[in-house]
Protein backbone atom coordinates (compact mmCIF):
# COMPACT_ATOMS: atom_id res chain seq x y z
CA MET A 1 -32.20 50.70 -9.47
CA ALA A 2 -33.17 47.42 -11.09
CA LEU A 3 -30.62 44.93 -12.24
CA THR A 4 -30.66 43.91 -15.86
CA ASN A 5 -30.40 40.37 -17.11
CA GLU A 6 -26.81 41.09 -18.10
CA ASP A 7 -26.07 42.27 -14.54
CA LEU A 8 -27.63 39.13 -13.07
CA LEU A 9 -25.71 36.95 -15.52
CA ALA A 10 -22.44 38.70 -14.62
CA ILE A 11 -23.14 38.24 -10.90
CA SER A 12 -23.97 34.58 -11.51
CA ASN A 13 -20.72 34.10 -13.44
CA LEU A 14 -18.72 35.77 -10.68
CA LEU A 15 -20.36 33.55 -8.07
CA ASP A 16 -19.63 30.46 -10.19
CA ILE A 17 -15.97 31.45 -10.51
CA LYS A 18 -15.73 32.13 -6.77
CA LEU A 19 -17.44 28.86 -5.92
CA ARG A 20 -15.14 26.88 -8.24
CA ALA A 21 -12.11 28.52 -6.64
CA GLU A 22 -13.37 27.69 -3.16
CA LEU A 23 -14.23 24.11 -4.09
CA GLN A 24 -10.95 23.33 -5.85
CA PRO A 25 -8.98 22.63 -2.63
CA ILE A 26 -11.75 20.31 -1.49
CA LYS A 27 -11.70 18.52 -4.84
CA ASP A 28 -7.92 18.21 -4.58
CA ASP A 29 -8.24 16.74 -1.08
CA ILE A 30 -10.85 14.26 -2.29
CA ARG A 31 -8.58 13.24 -5.17
CA ASP A 32 -5.68 12.74 -2.75
CA ILE A 33 -7.88 10.67 -0.44
CA LYS A 34 -9.03 8.51 -3.35
CA LEU A 35 -5.41 7.96 -4.36
CA ASP A 36 -4.46 7.01 -0.80
CA ILE A 37 -7.34 4.57 -0.64
CA GLU A 38 -6.46 3.05 -4.00
CA ASN A 39 -2.68 2.90 -3.51
CA ASP A 40 -2.27 2.31 0.22
CA ILE A 41 -5.40 1.12 1.97
CA LYS A 42 -6.87 -1.28 -0.61
CA PRO A 43 -3.63 -3.27 -1.06
CA GLN A 44 -3.20 -3.56 2.70
CA ILE A 45 -6.78 -4.76 3.13
CA GLN A 46 -6.24 -7.23 0.29
CA LEU A 47 -3.09 -8.52 1.98
CA LEU A 48 -4.93 -8.92 5.28
CA ALA A 49 -7.74 -10.81 3.55
CA GLU A 50 -5.30 -13.04 1.69
CA ASN A 51 -3.66 -14.00 4.98
CA TYR A 52 -6.81 -14.17 7.08
CA VAL A 53 -8.86 -16.48 4.89
CA PRO A 54 -6.35 -19.36 4.75
CA ALA A 55 -5.67 -19.04 8.48
CA ALA A 56 -9.38 -19.04 9.25
CA LYS A 57 -9.85 -22.16 7.14
CA ARG A 58 -6.97 -23.89 8.96
CA PHE A 59 -8.50 -22.98 12.32
CA GLU A 60 -11.88 -24.18 11.16
CA LYS A 61 -10.40 -27.53 10.13
CA ALA A 62 -8.50 -27.80 13.43
CA VAL A 63 -11.58 -27.45 15.65
CA PRO A 64 -12.63 -31.12 15.48
CA GLN A 65 -9.05 -32.21 16.10
CA LEU A 66 -8.82 -29.87 19.09
CA GLU A 67 -12.09 -31.15 20.50
CA SER A 68 -10.87 -34.72 20.08
CA MET A 69 -7.59 -33.88 21.80
CA GLN A 70 -9.46 -32.25 24.69
CA ALA A 71 -11.58 -35.37 25.10
CA ASP A 72 -8.43 -37.54 25.06
CA ILE A 73 -6.78 -35.31 27.68
CA GLU A 74 -9.82 -35.59 29.94
CA ILE A 75 -9.68 -39.38 29.67
CA MET A 76 -5.93 -39.33 30.36
CA LYS A 77 -6.49 -37.16 33.46
CA LYS A 78 -9.01 -39.64 34.82
CA VAL A 79 -6.75 -42.63 34.12
CA ILE A 80 -3.74 -40.89 35.66
CA THR A 81 -5.79 -39.97 38.72
CA GLU A 82 -6.99 -43.58 39.08
CA HIS A 83 -3.47 -44.93 38.63
CA SER A 84 -2.11 -42.43 41.15
CA GLU A 85 -4.74 -43.55 43.67
CA LYS A 86 -3.89 -47.22 43.04
CA LEU A 87 -0.16 -46.52 43.42
CA GLN A 88 -0.83 -44.63 46.67
CA LYS A 89 -2.68 -47.69 48.03
CA ILE A 90 0.11 -50.06 46.99
CA SER A 91 2.88 -48.02 48.59
């Protein structure tokens, strides 16, 4: 028994309908995921970026000041050590 073109077309239509029905939950899930990304994740990432960038710039600007302070502290340690040694000898 050979299938006619009409039979093949009917089978094709049935398969299309079945495939659409099977894919609809997946499409719905994808839509929900897109909405979550758009409404929840993107704003949170934006907020993180808005807070991170200014903080990073402040830290970047503070590096030379920190390095200078570290150098000053090293000098102060040496001076204090020398003064402590001199005071030890005096007393």
